[in-house]
Amino acid sequence: MTSPPVNPRRPRRKPPGRFHHGDLAEALAHAASSLIEREGHDAVSLKRLAQTVGVTEPALYKHYPSKQALLAVVGMRGLSRFEAAIVEPAARFEDPFDALYECGRAYVRFAYANAGWFRLWFSREWNDELSLLPQAATQPSAASSRVVLRNLAVRIVGKDLPVVDDINRAAWAMAHGLAGLVIERAFRLVKTDEERLAAADEALRVLVDSLRARFR
């Protein structure tokens, strides 16, 4: 009696670093975050992520039904870091004008250092992606940048008046516009990133000094 033939083929091993057990949803979020940081959100695709973590593409849909759903989740995680960076100066500076200036600088510098995230958060798709999250996940907390910056505006004016919202919008528009100019290197009269950041600082200073002259 002869023994059954032995199958000479050995089980294929996944390349080192590939996902093989544990939390697939977290592995996908991490891989997507890395892509956003290196190449921007347009580079993210479920097919590419499946190849990165070493699973089949259908396995991804158990955790994220679409690319948009995945970007909504990882985008909110990154946004929490952005929020923290913006509001941190508000706790360090007693003078509300100085605090507003430093919050603006933090906004521009975070955007400059994290251009991939910044472009995601203010892309056309972002609002659609947020609709895929529970409403509670997108509501501002007491520590959110919107709340903190509005409180700074109240301190600048001295009381909660309609002009508070005007100041809040003007400060956000200034910081956001400057961040875009720095990221896209659109300042025409300067050549280096350091000079662009310095130019943004000067523009923020002009805004804050005008508020100081009016309300102090």
Protein backbone atom coordinates (compact mmCIF):
# COMPACT_ATOMS: atom_id res chain seq x y z
CA MET A 1 0.00 0.00 0.00
CA THR A 2 1.45 3.30 -1.03
CA SER A 3 1.17 6.54 0.88
CA PRO A 4 -0.78 9.40 -0.71
CA PRO A 5 1.45 11.84 -2.55
CA VAL A 6 2.70 14.73 -0.52
CA ASN A 7 1.79 18.14 -1.90
CA PRO A 8 5.14 19.86 -2.40
CA ARG A 9 3.53 23.32 -2.44
CA ARG A 10 3.92 25.19 0.79
CA PRO A 11 1.38 27.73 2.00
CA ARG A 12 2.14 31.16 0.64
CA ARG A 13 3.33 33.62 3.22
CA LYS A 14 2.32 37.22 3.09
CA PRO A 15 5.19 39.64 2.63
CA PRO A 16 6.56 41.16 5.84
CA GLY A 17 4.55 44.13 7.04
CA ARG A 18 1.34 42.97 5.38
CA PHE A 19 -1.85 42.82 7.40
CA HIS A 20 -2.74 39.30 8.53
CA HIS A 21 -4.74 39.62 11.73
CA GLY A 22 -6.10 42.14 14.18
CA ASP A 23 -8.09 45.28 13.48
CA LEU A 24 -8.49 45.62 9.72
CA ALA A 25 -10.52 48.83 10.01
CA GLU A 26 -7.68 50.48 11.93
CA ALA A 27 -5.07 49.19 9.48
CA LEU A 28 -7.04 50.68 6.60
CA ALA A 29 -7.43 54.01 8.39
CA HIS A 30 -3.70 54.13 9.06
CA ALA A 31 -2.85 53.29 5.44
CA ALA A 32 -5.28 55.92 4.15
CA SER A 33 -3.83 58.54 6.50
CA SER A 34 -0.32 57.82 5.25
CA LEU A 35 -1.45 58.21 1.64
CA ILE A 36 -3.19 61.51 2.38
CA GLU A 37 -0.06 62.85 4.04
CA ARG A 38 2.25 61.75 1.21
CA GLU A 39 0.14 62.17 -1.93
CA GLY A 40 -3.20 63.76 -1.03
CA HIS A 41 -6.71 62.36 -0.76
CA ASP A 42 -7.09 61.91 -4.54
CA ALA A 43 -4.48 59.14 -4.32
CA VAL A 44 -6.64 57.08 -1.95
CA SER A 45 -8.53 54.16 -3.49
CA LEU A 46 -9.90 51.01 -1.90
CA LYS A 47 -7.99 48.88 -4.41
CA ARG A 48 -4.70 50.52 -3.48
CA LEU A 49 -5.43 50.23 0.23
CA ALA A 50 -6.24 46.54 -0.15
CA GLN A 51 -2.87 46.00 -1.79
CA THR A 52 -1.13 48.01 0.93
CA VAL A 53 -2.54 46.03 3.85
CA GLY A 54 -2.48 42.71 1.98
CA VAL A 55 -6.16 41.74 1.84
CA THR A 56 -8.70 41.30 -0.91
CA GLU A 57 -10.71 44.32 -1.94
CA PRO A 58 -14.08 42.77 -0.92
CA ALA A 59 -12.75 42.45 2.65
CA LEU A 60 -12.56 46.24 2.88
CA TYR A 61 -16.27 46.70 2.27
CA LYS A 62 -17.09 44.98 5.56
CA HIS A 63 -15.62 48.02 7.30
CA TYR A 64 -15.98 50.87 4.81
CA PRO A 65 -18.66 50.69 2.11
CA SER A 66 -16.90 53.32 -0.01
CA LYS A 67 -13.84 55.50 -0.28
CA GLN A 68 -15.97 58.42 0.88
CA ALA A 69 -16.95 56.62 4.09
CA LEU A 70 -13.30 55.89 4.84
CA LEU A 71 -12.23 59.48 4.18
CA ALA A 72 -14.99 60.75 6.46
CA VAL A 73 -13.63 58.70 9.35
CA VAL A 74 -9.92 59.38 8.89
CA GLY A 75 -10.60 63.01 8.00
CA MET A 76 -12.33 63.65 11.31
CA ARG A 77 -9.39 62.10 13.15
CA GLY A 78 -6.97 64.42 11.41
CA LEU A 79 -9.30 67.35 11.96
CA SER A 80 -9.10 66.84 15.72
CA ARG A 81 -5.33 67.46 15.52
CA PHE A 82 -5.95 70.60 13.49
CA GLU A 83 -8.48 71.82 16.05
CA ALA A 84 -6.06 71.21 18.91
CA ALA A 85 -3.28 73.12 17.15
CA ILE A 86 -5.53 76.12 16.52
CA VAL A 87 -6.98 76.45 20.02
CA GLU A 88 -3.78 75.79 21.97
CA PRO A 89 -2.56 79.44 21.79
CA ALA A 90 -5.88 80.67 23.19
CA ALA A 91 -4.97 79.03 26.50
CA ARG A 92 -1.42 80.43 26.56
CA PHE A 93 -2.12 84.12 25.91
CA GLU A 94 -4.19 86.21 28.30
CA ASP A 95 -4.51 89.10 25.87
CA PRO A 96 -7.30 88.16 23.40
CA PHE A 97 -5.64 90.08 20.55
CA ASP A 98 -2.35 88.23 21.00
CA ALA A 99 -4.26 84.96 21.32
CA LEU A 100 -6.17 85.61 18.09
CA TYR A 101 -2.94 86.41 16.25
CA GLU A 102 -1.24 83.25 17.49
CA CYS A 103 -4.28 81.13 16.65
CA GLY A 104 -4.10 82.48 13.10
CA ARG A 105 -0.39 81.67 12.88
CA ALA A 106 -1.09 78.16 14.16
CA TYR A 107 -3.79 77.74 11.50
CA VAL A 108 -1.45 78.71 8.68
CA ARG A 109 1.46 76.63 9.95
CA PHE A 110 -0.58 73.51 10.53
CA ALA A 111 -2.00 73.79 7.02
CA TYR A 112 1.50 74.31 5.61
CA ALA A 113 2.85 71.24 7.42
CA ASN A 114 -0.20 69.09 6.56
CA ALA A 115 -1.19 70.22 3.08
CA GLY A 116 -2.75 66.86 2.16
CA TRP A 117 -5.13 67.01 5.10
CA PHE A 118 -5.91 70.68 4.53
CA ARG A 119 -6.89 70.05 0.91
CA LEU A 120 -9.12 67.15 1.99
CA TRP A 121 -10.99 69.15 4.64
CA PHE A 122 -11.78 71.96 2.24
CA SER A 123 -12.42 69.89 -0.85
CA ARG A 124 -15.79 69.82 -2.57
CA GLU A 125 -16.30 66.21 -1.51
CA TRP A 126 -15.76 66.83 2.19
CA ASN A 127 -19.29 67.97 3.09
CA ASP A 128 -20.72 64.93 1.31
CA GLU A 129 -18.33 62.71 3.23
CA LEU A 130 -19.35 64.25 6.56
CA SER A 131 -22.96 63.31 5.88
CA LEU A 132 -21.88 59.68 6.19
CA LEU A 133 -20.98 60.19 9.87
CA PRO A 134 -23.36 60.31 12.84
CA GLN A 135 -24.48 63.89 13.49
CA ALA A 136 -22.92 63.90 16.96
CA ALA A 137 -19.49 63.27 15.46
CA THR A 138 -19.58 66.54 13.52
CA GLN A 139 -21.01 68.86 16.18
CA PRO A 140 -18.58 71.39 17.72
CA SER A 141 -17.59 70.74 21.31
CA ALA A 142 -16.92 73.39 23.94
CA ALA A 143 -13.22 73.12 23.06
CA SER A 144 -13.65 73.31 19.28
CA SER A 145 -11.91 76.03 17.32
CA ARG A 146 -15.23 77.62 16.35
CA VAL A 147 -16.27 78.00 19.98
CA VAL A 148 -12.85 79.07 21.25
CA LEU A 149 -12.32 81.67 18.51
CA ARG A 150 -15.79 83.07 18.98
CA ASN A 151 -15.11 83.43 22.70
CA LEU A 152 -11.94 85.35 21.84
CA ALA A 153 -14.00 87.68 19.67
CA VAL A 154 -16.42 88.24 22.57
CA ARG A 155 -13.48 89.18 24.79
CA ILE A 156 -12.17 91.57 22.13
CA VAL A 157 -15.51 93.37 21.78
CA GLY A 158 -16.29 93.23 25.49
CA LYS A 159 -19.75 91.72 25.07
CA ASP A 160 -21.61 89.36 22.78
CA LEU A 161 -22.79 91.59 19.94
CA PRO A 162 -23.50 90.86 16.24
CA VAL A 163 -20.04 92.24 15.37
CA VAL A 164 -18.55 89.23 17.18
CA ASP A 165 -19.59 86.97 14.31
CA ASP A 166 -18.15 89.46 11.82
CA ILE A 167 -14.78 89.35 13.60
CA ASN A 168 -14.90 85.57 13.74
CA ARG A 169 -15.59 85.29 10.02
CA ALA A 170 -12.95 87.87 9.12
CA ALA A 171 -10.28 86.12 11.20
CA TRP A 172 -11.13 82.71 9.75
CA ALA A 173 -11.24 84.03 6.18
CA MET A 174 -7.87 85.74 6.63
CA ALA A 175 -6.15 82.69 8.13
CA HIS A 176 -7.73 80.30 5.64
CA GLY A 177 -6.88 82.43 2.63
CA LEU A 178 -3.30 82.91 3.77
CA ALA A 179 -2.92 79.18 4.38
CA GLY A 180 -4.02 78.50 0.81
CA LEU A 181 -1.60 81.08 -0.57
CA VAL A 182 1.28 79.58 1.39
CA ILE A 183 0.48 75.99 0.41
CA GLU A 184 0.06 76.80 -3.27
CA ARG A 185 3.08 79.15 -3.18
CA ALA A 186 0.97 81.90 -4.67
CA PHE A 187 2.71 84.87 -3.06
CA ARG A 188 4.29 86.58 -6.08
CA LEU A 189 6.88 88.77 -4.35
CA VAL A 190 8.60 86.14 -2.20
CA LYS A 191 10.53 83.03 -3.17
CA THR A 192 10.90 80.73 -0.15
CA ASP A 193 8.41 79.04 2.16
CA GLU A 194 9.93 80.88 5.12
CA GLU A 195 9.26 84.20 3.39
CA ARG A 196 5.70 83.12 2.59
CA LEU A 197 5.05 82.24 6.22
CA ALA A 198 6.53 85.56 7.31
CA ALA A 199 4.29 87.39 4.83
CA ALA A 200 1.28 85.55 6.25
CA ASP A 201 2.33 86.59 9.76
CA GLU A 202 2.45 90.23 8.69
CA ALA A 203 -1.01 90.06 7.14
CA LEU A 204 -2.41 88.54 10.33
CA ARG A 205 -0.70 91.25 12.35
CA VAL A 206 -2.38 93.96 10.27
CA LEU A 207 -5.80 92.42 10.94
CA VAL A 208 -5.22 92.04 14.67
CA ASP A 209 -3.73 95.53 15.03
CA SER A 210 -6.77 97.02 13.29
CA LEU A 211 -9.04 95.19 15.73
CA ARG A 212 -6.90 96.36 18.63
CA ALA A 213 -7.14 99.98 17.47
CA ARG A 214 -10.91 99.77 17.16
CA PHE A 215 -11.89 97.85 20.28
CA ARG A 216 -9.23 98.55 22.89
